[in-house]
Amino acid sequence: MNYNKIMKRLTVLDIEDIVALREAHKNDHEFWMLCNNVIHDKNSIIREAQMEGYIDELLESKKNAPDGAATPSQGNETR
């Protein structure tokens, strides 16, 4: 049996749909485990994207931050 093929087909579904499908076939232990693996993978991808977003936000805020008091502006100044 090719579990990878089944997991790929499950991957195109939303997590809620996978949960519903898993619950509808809860007596099939192998299918239950495949569903759990796909749900875990999808949640990991979502979580990783959230953490990447945290880093991107910080880098963006540093890029757009105004000059600090100790650092002179770079550009033409009028005196």
N, C-alpha and C. Protein backbone atom coordinates (compact mmCIF):
# COMPACT_ATOMS: atom_id res chain seq x y z
N MET A 1 0.85 -1.18 0.00
CA MET A 1 0.00 0.00 0.00
C MET A 1 0.89 1.24 0.00
N ASN A 2 0.50 2.22 -0.79
CA ASN A 2 1.28 3.45 -0.91
C ASN A 2 0.69 4.54 -0.03
N TYR A 3 1.22 4.65 1.19
CA TYR A 3 0.71 5.64 2.14
C TYR A 3 1.00 7.07 1.69
N ASN A 4 2.13 7.25 1.00
CA ASN A 4 2.47 8.61 0.55
C ASN A 4 1.42 9.15 -0.40
N LYS A 5 0.88 8.29 -1.25
CA LYS A 5 -0.16 8.72 -2.19
C LYS A 5 -1.41 9.17 -1.42
N ILE A 6 -1.78 8.41 -0.41
CA ILE A 6 -2.95 8.76 0.40
C ILE A 6 -2.70 10.06 1.15
N MET A 7 -1.51 10.21 1.71
CA MET A 7 -1.19 11.44 2.44
C MET A 7 -1.21 12.66 1.52
N LYS A 8 -0.72 12.51 0.29
CA LYS A 8 -0.76 13.62 -0.67
C LYS A 8 -2.19 14.02 -0.97
N ARG A 9 -3.06 13.04 -1.08
CA ARG A 9 -4.47 13.35 -1.35
C ARG A 9 -5.10 14.04 -0.15
N LEU A 10 -4.73 13.63 1.05
CA LEU A 10 -5.25 14.27 2.26
C LEU A 10 -4.74 15.70 2.38
N THR A 11 -3.52 15.94 1.92
CA THR A 11 -2.89 17.26 2.06
C THR A 11 -3.68 18.36 1.38
N VAL A 12 -4.42 18.05 0.34
CA VAL A 12 -5.16 19.09 -0.37
C VAL A 12 -6.40 19.53 0.40
N LEU A 13 -6.77 18.78 1.42
CA LEU A 13 -7.95 19.11 2.22
C LEU A 13 -7.59 20.06 3.35
N ASP A 14 -8.59 20.80 3.83
CA ASP A 14 -8.43 21.63 5.02
C ASP A 14 -8.34 20.72 6.25
N ILE A 15 -7.73 21.24 7.30
CA ILE A 15 -7.60 20.46 8.53
C ILE A 15 -8.96 20.02 9.04
N GLU A 16 -9.95 20.91 8.97
CA GLU A 16 -11.29 20.57 9.46
C GLU A 16 -11.88 19.39 8.68
N ASP A 17 -11.64 19.37 7.37
CA ASP A 17 -12.13 18.27 6.54
C ASP A 17 -11.41 16.96 6.87
N ILE A 18 -10.12 17.06 7.13
CA ILE A 18 -9.36 15.85 7.49
C ILE A 18 -9.87 15.30 8.81
N VAL A 19 -10.12 16.18 9.77
CA VAL A 19 -10.64 15.75 11.07
C VAL A 19 -11.99 15.06 10.89
N ALA A 20 -12.86 15.65 10.07
CA ALA A 20 -14.18 15.05 9.85
C ALA A 20 -14.06 13.69 9.18
N LEU A 21 -13.16 13.58 8.21
CA LEU A 21 -12.94 12.31 7.52
C LEU A 21 -12.36 11.27 8.48
N ARG A 22 -11.43 11.71 9.29
CA ARG A 22 -10.83 10.81 10.29
C ARG A 22 -11.89 10.29 11.25
N GLU A 23 -12.74 11.19 11.72
CA GLU A 23 -13.78 10.80 12.67
C GLU A 23 -14.79 9.85 12.04
N ALA A 24 -15.06 10.04 10.75
CA ALA A 24 -16.01 9.18 10.06
C ALA A 24 -15.48 7.76 9.89
N HIS A 25 -14.16 7.62 9.97
CA HIS A 25 -13.52 6.30 9.77
C HIS A 25 -12.60 5.96 10.95
N LYS A 26 -13.08 6.25 12.15
CA LYS A 26 -12.22 6.07 13.33
C LYS A 26 -11.89 4.63 13.65
N ASN A 27 -12.57 3.68 13.04
CA ASN A 27 -12.24 2.27 13.28
C ASN A 27 -11.07 1.80 12.42
N ASP A 28 -10.68 2.59 11.44
CA ASP A 28 -9.56 2.25 10.58
C ASP A 28 -8.29 2.90 11.16
N HIS A 29 -7.56 2.13 11.93
CA HIS A 29 -6.40 2.66 12.66
C HIS A 29 -5.35 3.25 11.73
N GLU A 30 -5.07 2.58 10.62
CA GLU A 30 -4.05 3.08 9.69
C GLU A 30 -4.46 4.44 9.12
N PHE A 31 -5.72 4.54 8.71
CA PHE A 31 -6.21 5.80 8.15
C PHE A 31 -6.19 6.90 9.20
N TRP A 32 -6.56 6.55 10.42
CA TRP A 32 -6.53 7.48 11.55
C TRP A 32 -5.12 8.07 11.71
N MET A 33 -4.12 7.19 11.67
CA MET A 33 -2.74 7.63 11.84
C MET A 33 -2.28 8.51 10.67
N LEU A 34 -2.66 8.15 9.45
CA LEU A 34 -2.29 8.98 8.30
C LEU A 34 -2.91 10.37 8.41
N CYS A 35 -4.16 10.41 8.81
CA CYS A 35 -4.83 11.70 9.01
C CYS A 35 -4.11 12.52 10.07
N ASN A 36 -3.75 11.89 11.18
CA ASN A 36 -3.03 12.59 12.24
C ASN A 36 -1.70 13.14 11.74
N ASN A 37 -0.99 12.36 10.93
CA ASN A 37 0.30 12.82 10.40
C ASN A 37 0.12 14.04 9.50
N VAL A 38 -0.90 14.02 8.65
CA VAL A 38 -1.14 15.16 7.75
C VAL A 38 -1.56 16.38 8.56
N ILE A 39 -2.41 16.18 9.55
CA ILE A 39 -2.82 17.30 10.41
C ILE A 39 -1.61 17.89 11.12
N HIS A 40 -0.75 17.05 11.64
CA HIS A 40 0.47 17.51 12.32
C HIS A 40 1.34 18.31 11.36
N ASP A 41 1.54 17.79 10.15
CA ASP A 41 2.37 18.50 9.16
C ASP A 41 1.78 19.86 8.81
N LYS A 42 0.47 19.91 8.61
CA LYS A 42 -0.18 21.18 8.26
C LYS A 42 -0.06 22.17 9.41
N ASN A 43 -0.26 21.70 10.64
CA ASN A 43 -0.12 22.60 11.79
C ASN A 43 1.31 23.09 11.94
N SER A 44 2.29 22.25 11.64
CA SER A 44 3.69 22.66 11.70
C SER A 44 3.99 23.75 10.68
N ILE A 45 3.44 23.61 9.49
CA ILE A 45 3.64 24.62 8.45
C ILE A 45 3.03 25.96 8.88
N ILE A 46 1.83 25.90 9.45
CA ILE A 46 1.16 27.11 9.93
C ILE A 46 1.98 27.76 11.04
N ARG A 47 2.44 26.97 11.97
CA ARG A 47 3.22 27.49 13.11
C ARG A 47 4.54 28.09 12.64
N GLU A 48 5.20 27.42 11.71
CA GLU A 48 6.46 27.93 11.18
C GLU A 48 6.25 29.28 10.49
N ALA A 49 5.17 29.40 9.74
CA ALA A 49 4.85 30.67 9.06
C ALA A 49 4.61 31.77 10.07
N GLN A 50 3.94 31.44 11.19
CA GLN A 50 3.72 32.44 12.24
C GLN A 50 5.04 32.93 12.81
N MET A 51 5.94 32.01 13.10
CA MET A 51 7.23 32.40 13.67
C MET A 51 8.07 33.19 12.68
N GLU A 52 8.01 32.81 11.40
CA GLU A 52 8.71 33.59 10.37
C GLU A 52 8.14 35.01 10.32
N GLY A 53 6.83 35.11 10.49
CA GLY A 53 6.18 36.42 10.50
C GLY A 53 6.68 37.30 11.64
N TYR A 54 6.89 36.69 12.82
CA TYR A 54 7.42 37.45 13.96
C TYR A 54 8.78 38.06 13.60
N ILE A 55 9.62 37.25 12.98
CA ILE A 55 10.97 37.72 12.62
C ILE A 55 10.87 38.79 11.55
N ASP A 56 10.02 38.56 10.54
CA ASP A 56 9.84 39.55 9.47
C ASP A 56 9.35 40.89 10.02
N GLU A 57 8.40 40.85 10.97
CA GLU A 57 7.89 42.08 11.58
C GLU A 57 8.99 42.85 12.27
N LEU A 58 9.83 42.14 13.02
CA LEU A 58 10.92 42.81 13.72
C LEU A 58 11.90 43.43 12.73
N LEU A 59 12.28 42.68 11.71
CA LEU A 59 13.21 43.20 10.72
C LEU A 59 12.63 44.40 9.98
N GLU A 60 11.34 44.35 9.67
CA GLU A 60 10.68 45.46 8.99
C GLU A 60 10.63 46.70 9.89
N SER A 61 10.36 46.49 11.18
CA SER A 61 10.31 47.64 12.09
C SER A 61 11.69 48.27 12.26
N LYS A 62 12.72 47.45 12.23
CA LYS A 62 14.08 48.00 12.33
C LYS A 62 14.45 48.75 11.06
N LYS A 63 13.99 48.27 9.93
CA LYS A 63 14.29 48.91 8.65
C LYS A 63 13.59 50.26 8.54
N ASN A 64 12.39 50.36 9.10
CA ASN A 64 11.62 51.60 8.99
C ASN A 64 11.76 52.51 10.21
N ALA A 65 12.58 52.11 11.16
CA ALA A 65 12.74 52.91 12.38
C ALA A 65 13.46 54.22 12.07
N PRO A 66 13.06 55.31 12.73
CA PRO A 66 13.77 56.58 12.52
C PRO A 66 15.18 56.50 13.10
N ASP A 67 16.02 57.42 12.65
CA ASP A 67 17.39 57.45 13.17
C ASP A 67 17.39 57.63 14.67
N GLY A 68 18.33 57.00 15.34
CA GLY A 68 18.46 57.16 16.78
C GLY A 68 19.09 58.50 17.11
N ALA A 69 18.99 58.91 18.35
CA ALA A 69 19.53 60.21 18.78
C ALA A 69 21.04 60.24 18.65
N ALA A 70 21.69 59.12 18.86
CA ALA A 70 23.15 59.07 18.82
C ALA A 70 23.68 58.95 17.40
N THR A 71 22.81 58.68 16.46
CA THR A 71 23.28 58.50 15.09
C THR A 71 22.85 59.68 14.23
N PRO A 72 23.79 60.35 13.61
CA PRO A 72 23.41 61.46 12.74
C PRO A 72 22.68 60.96 11.49
N SER A 73 21.79 61.78 10.97
CA SER A 73 21.10 61.43 9.74
C SER A 73 22.07 61.37 8.60
N GLN A 74 21.78 60.52 7.66
CA GLN A 74 22.61 60.42 6.46
C GLN A 74 21.89 61.20 5.35
N GLY A 75 22.42 62.27 4.96
CA GLY A 75 21.78 63.06 3.90
C GLY A 75 22.14 64.52 4.04
N ASN A 76 21.54 65.33 3.23
CA ASN A 76 21.81 66.77 3.26
C ASN A 76 21.15 67.41 4.46
N GLU A 77 21.94 68.17 5.17
CA GLU A 77 21.40 68.89 6.31
C GLU A 77 21.51 70.38 6.02
N THR A 78 20.55 71.13 6.50
CA THR A 78 20.63 72.60 6.36
C THR A 78 21.14 73.15 7.67
N ARG A 79 22.07 74.04 7.54
CA ARG A 79 22.64 74.66 8.74
C ARG A 79 22.36 76.12 8.77
